[in-house]
């Protein structure tokens, strides 16, 4: 994983893992998927990472096409 990729923030899963996400989930009035999200992320981190890099590549191509149209 590259530190500049943006995933460096996600590496410290403990920051957004169960305790914090569950507390936030309890405060929200509508249904949400924050509760247990840390465990879900950890269960398929490689898949999340692959999706992230695919998304970032698409976002960069889109931004470049927008800049080219100016």
N, C-alpha and C. Protein backbone atom coordinates (compact mmCIF):
# COMPACT_ATOMS: atom_id res chain seq x y z
N UNK A 1 0.85 -1.18 0.00
CA UNK A 1 0.00 0.00 0.00
C UNK A 1 0.89 1.24 0.00
N UNK A 2 0.50 2.23 -0.73
CA UNK A 2 1.27 3.46 -0.85
C UNK A 2 0.72 4.49 0.13
N UNK A 3 1.62 5.16 0.86
CA UNK A 3 1.18 6.16 1.84
C UNK A 3 0.45 7.30 1.16
N UNK A 4 0.83 7.63 -0.06
CA UNK A 4 0.20 8.75 -0.75
C UNK A 4 -1.12 8.36 -1.41
N UNK A 5 -1.51 7.12 -1.32
CA UNK A 5 -2.70 6.65 -2.01
C UNK A 5 -4.00 7.10 -1.38
N UNK A 6 -3.96 7.57 -0.17
CA UNK A 6 -5.20 7.92 0.51
C UNK A 6 -5.64 6.81 1.43
N UNK A 7 -5.15 5.62 1.20
CA UNK A 7 -5.50 4.50 2.07
C UNK A 7 -4.69 4.52 3.36
N UNK A 8 -3.69 5.36 3.43
CA UNK A 8 -2.89 5.43 4.65
C UNK A 8 -3.77 5.77 5.84
N UNK A 9 -4.82 6.56 5.61
CA UNK A 9 -5.74 6.91 6.69
C UNK A 9 -6.58 5.70 7.10
N UNK A 10 -6.85 4.85 6.16
CA UNK A 10 -7.68 3.69 6.44
C UNK A 10 -6.88 2.60 7.14
N UNK A 11 -5.57 2.63 6.98
CA UNK A 11 -4.73 1.61 7.58
C UNK A 11 -4.95 1.56 9.09
N UNK A 12 -5.12 2.70 9.69
CA UNK A 12 -5.37 2.70 11.13
C UNK A 12 -6.86 2.45 11.35
N UNK A 13 -7.26 1.25 11.04
CA UNK A 13 -8.66 0.85 11.11
C UNK A 13 -9.20 1.05 12.52
N UNK A 14 -8.33 0.94 13.49
CA UNK A 14 -8.78 1.10 14.88
C UNK A 14 -9.44 2.46 15.08
N UNK A 15 -9.03 3.46 14.32
CA UNK A 15 -9.61 4.79 14.48
C UNK A 15 -11.08 4.81 14.08
N UNK A 16 -11.47 3.97 13.15
CA UNK A 16 -12.86 3.98 12.69
C UNK A 16 -13.55 2.66 12.98
N UNK A 17 -12.88 1.80 13.71
CA UNK A 17 -13.40 0.46 13.97
C UNK A 17 -14.54 0.49 14.96
N UNK A 18 -14.95 -0.64 15.33
CA UNK A 18 -16.15 -0.91 16.10
C UNK A 18 -16.57 0.16 17.11
N UNK A 19 -15.76 0.45 18.08
CA UNK A 19 -16.20 1.33 19.16
C UNK A 19 -16.68 2.68 18.64
N UNK A 20 -15.86 3.34 17.83
CA UNK A 20 -16.23 4.66 17.32
C UNK A 20 -17.42 4.61 16.38
N UNK A 21 -17.39 3.70 15.46
CA UNK A 21 -18.49 3.58 14.48
C UNK A 21 -19.78 3.18 15.17
N UNK A 22 -19.68 2.30 16.14
CA UNK A 22 -20.89 1.87 16.85
C UNK A 22 -21.50 3.02 17.66
N UNK A 23 -20.64 3.85 18.26
CA UNK A 23 -21.17 5.01 19.02
C UNK A 23 -21.87 5.98 18.08
N UNK A 24 -21.27 6.22 16.92
CA UNK A 24 -21.90 7.11 15.94
C UNK A 24 -23.22 6.52 15.47
N UNK A 25 -23.21 5.22 15.20
CA UNK A 25 -24.42 4.55 14.72
C UNK A 25 -25.56 4.69 15.72
N UNK A 26 -25.25 4.63 16.99
CA UNK A 26 -26.29 4.76 18.01
C UNK A 26 -26.91 6.15 18.03
N UNK A 27 -26.14 7.17 17.66
CA UNK A 27 -26.64 8.54 17.69
C UNK A 27 -27.48 8.91 16.47
N UNK A 28 -27.33 8.17 15.39
CA UNK A 28 -28.09 8.47 14.19
C UNK A 28 -29.53 7.97 14.33
N UNK A 29 -30.45 8.75 13.85
CA UNK A 29 -31.86 8.39 13.98
C UNK A 29 -32.33 7.44 12.88
N UNK A 30 -31.75 7.54 11.72
CA UNK A 30 -32.17 6.66 10.62
C UNK A 30 -31.26 5.44 10.56
N UNK A 31 -31.70 4.42 9.88
CA UNK A 31 -30.91 3.21 9.74
C UNK A 31 -29.59 3.53 9.05
N UNK A 32 -28.53 2.86 9.45
CA UNK A 32 -27.23 3.11 8.86
C UNK A 32 -26.40 1.83 8.90
N UNK A 33 -25.28 1.88 8.21
CA UNK A 33 -24.42 0.70 8.14
C UNK A 33 -23.09 0.91 8.85
N UNK A 34 -22.99 1.92 9.71
CA UNK A 34 -21.72 2.16 10.40
C UNK A 34 -21.40 1.08 11.42
N UNK A 35 -22.41 0.59 12.11
CA UNK A 35 -22.16 -0.42 13.14
C UNK A 35 -21.55 -1.66 12.50
N UNK A 36 -20.41 -2.05 13.01
CA UNK A 36 -19.73 -3.23 12.48
C UNK A 36 -18.94 -3.00 11.21
N UNK A 37 -18.83 -1.76 10.76
CA UNK A 37 -18.15 -1.49 9.50
C UNK A 37 -16.66 -1.78 9.56
N UNK A 38 -16.05 -1.59 10.73
CA UNK A 38 -14.62 -1.89 10.86
C UNK A 38 -14.34 -3.36 10.64
N UNK A 39 -15.17 -4.21 11.24
CA UNK A 39 -15.00 -5.65 11.07
C UNK A 39 -15.23 -6.06 9.62
N UNK A 40 -16.20 -5.42 8.99
CA UNK A 40 -16.48 -5.73 7.58
C UNK A 40 -15.30 -5.33 6.70
N UNK A 41 -14.72 -4.17 6.98
CA UNK A 41 -13.55 -3.71 6.22
C UNK A 41 -12.39 -4.67 6.41
N UNK A 42 -12.15 -5.08 7.64
CA UNK A 42 -11.04 -5.99 7.90
C UNK A 42 -11.25 -7.36 7.25
N UNK A 43 -12.49 -7.79 7.11
CA UNK A 43 -12.74 -9.11 6.56
C UNK A 43 -12.41 -9.20 5.07
N UNK A 44 -12.41 -8.08 4.35
CA UNK A 44 -12.07 -8.11 2.93
C UNK A 44 -11.28 -6.86 2.55
N UNK A 45 -10.20 -6.63 3.27
CA UNK A 45 -9.42 -5.43 3.04
C UNK A 45 -8.83 -5.40 1.64
N UNK A 46 -8.37 -6.53 1.14
CA UNK A 46 -7.78 -6.57 -0.21
C UNK A 46 -8.81 -6.18 -1.26
N UNK A 47 -10.04 -6.61 -1.10
CA UNK A 47 -11.10 -6.23 -2.04
C UNK A 47 -11.40 -4.75 -1.98
N UNK A 48 -11.44 -4.21 -0.75
CA UNK A 48 -11.67 -2.78 -0.58
C UNK A 48 -10.55 -1.98 -1.23
N UNK A 49 -9.32 -2.42 -1.01
CA UNK A 49 -8.18 -1.72 -1.58
C UNK A 49 -8.24 -1.73 -3.12
N UNK A 50 -8.58 -2.87 -3.70
CA UNK A 50 -8.69 -2.97 -5.16
C UNK A 50 -9.78 -2.05 -5.70
N UNK A 51 -10.93 -2.03 -5.02
CA UNK A 51 -12.02 -1.14 -5.42
C UNK A 51 -11.59 0.32 -5.33
N UNK A 52 -10.86 0.65 -4.26
CA UNK A 52 -10.40 2.02 -4.06
C UNK A 52 -9.50 2.46 -5.20
N UNK A 53 -8.52 1.62 -5.55
CA UNK A 53 -7.59 2.00 -6.62
C UNK A 53 -8.31 2.10 -7.96
N UNK A 54 -9.29 1.26 -8.21
CA UNK A 54 -10.07 1.35 -9.44
C UNK A 54 -10.86 2.66 -9.47
N UNK A 55 -11.48 3.01 -8.35
CA UNK A 55 -12.24 4.26 -8.25
C UNK A 55 -11.34 5.46 -8.47
N UNK A 56 -10.18 5.48 -7.80
CA UNK A 56 -9.27 6.62 -7.92
C UNK A 56 -8.81 6.79 -9.36
N UNK A 57 -8.50 5.70 -10.04
CA UNK A 57 -8.09 5.79 -11.45
C UNK A 57 -9.21 6.39 -12.30
N UNK A 58 -10.44 5.95 -12.07
CA UNK A 58 -11.59 6.50 -12.80
C UNK A 58 -11.77 7.98 -12.49
N UNK A 59 -11.64 8.34 -11.22
CA UNK A 59 -11.81 9.74 -10.81
C UNK A 59 -10.73 10.63 -11.43
N UNK A 60 -9.51 10.12 -11.51
CA UNK A 60 -8.44 10.90 -12.12
C UNK A 60 -8.68 11.10 -13.62
N UNK A 61 -9.14 10.05 -14.30
CA UNK A 61 -9.45 10.19 -15.74
C UNK A 61 -10.58 11.20 -15.94
N UNK A 62 -11.59 11.16 -15.08
CA UNK A 62 -12.70 12.10 -15.19
C UNK A 62 -12.21 13.53 -14.97
N UNK A 63 -11.40 13.73 -13.94
CA UNK A 63 -10.87 15.08 -13.67
C UNK A 63 -10.03 15.58 -14.83
N UNK A 64 -9.23 14.71 -15.41
CA UNK A 64 -8.42 15.11 -16.56
C UNK A 64 -9.29 15.49 -17.75
N UNK A 65 -10.37 14.75 -17.98
CA UNK A 65 -11.25 15.08 -19.10
C UNK A 65 -11.96 16.40 -18.85
N UNK A 66 -12.32 16.69 -17.61
CA UNK A 66 -12.95 17.98 -17.29
C UNK A 66 -11.98 19.13 -17.50
N UNK A 67 -10.72 18.93 -17.08
CA UNK A 67 -9.71 19.98 -17.28
C UNK A 67 -9.46 20.21 -18.77
N UNK A 68 -9.48 19.14 -19.54
CA UNK A 68 -9.23 19.26 -20.98
C UNK A 68 -10.35 20.02 -21.70
N UNK A 69 -11.54 20.00 -21.16
CA UNK A 69 -12.69 20.67 -21.78
C UNK A 69 -12.74 22.16 -21.47
N UNK A 70 -11.91 22.62 -20.56
CA UNK A 70 -11.92 24.06 -20.21
C UNK A 70 -11.28 24.90 -21.26
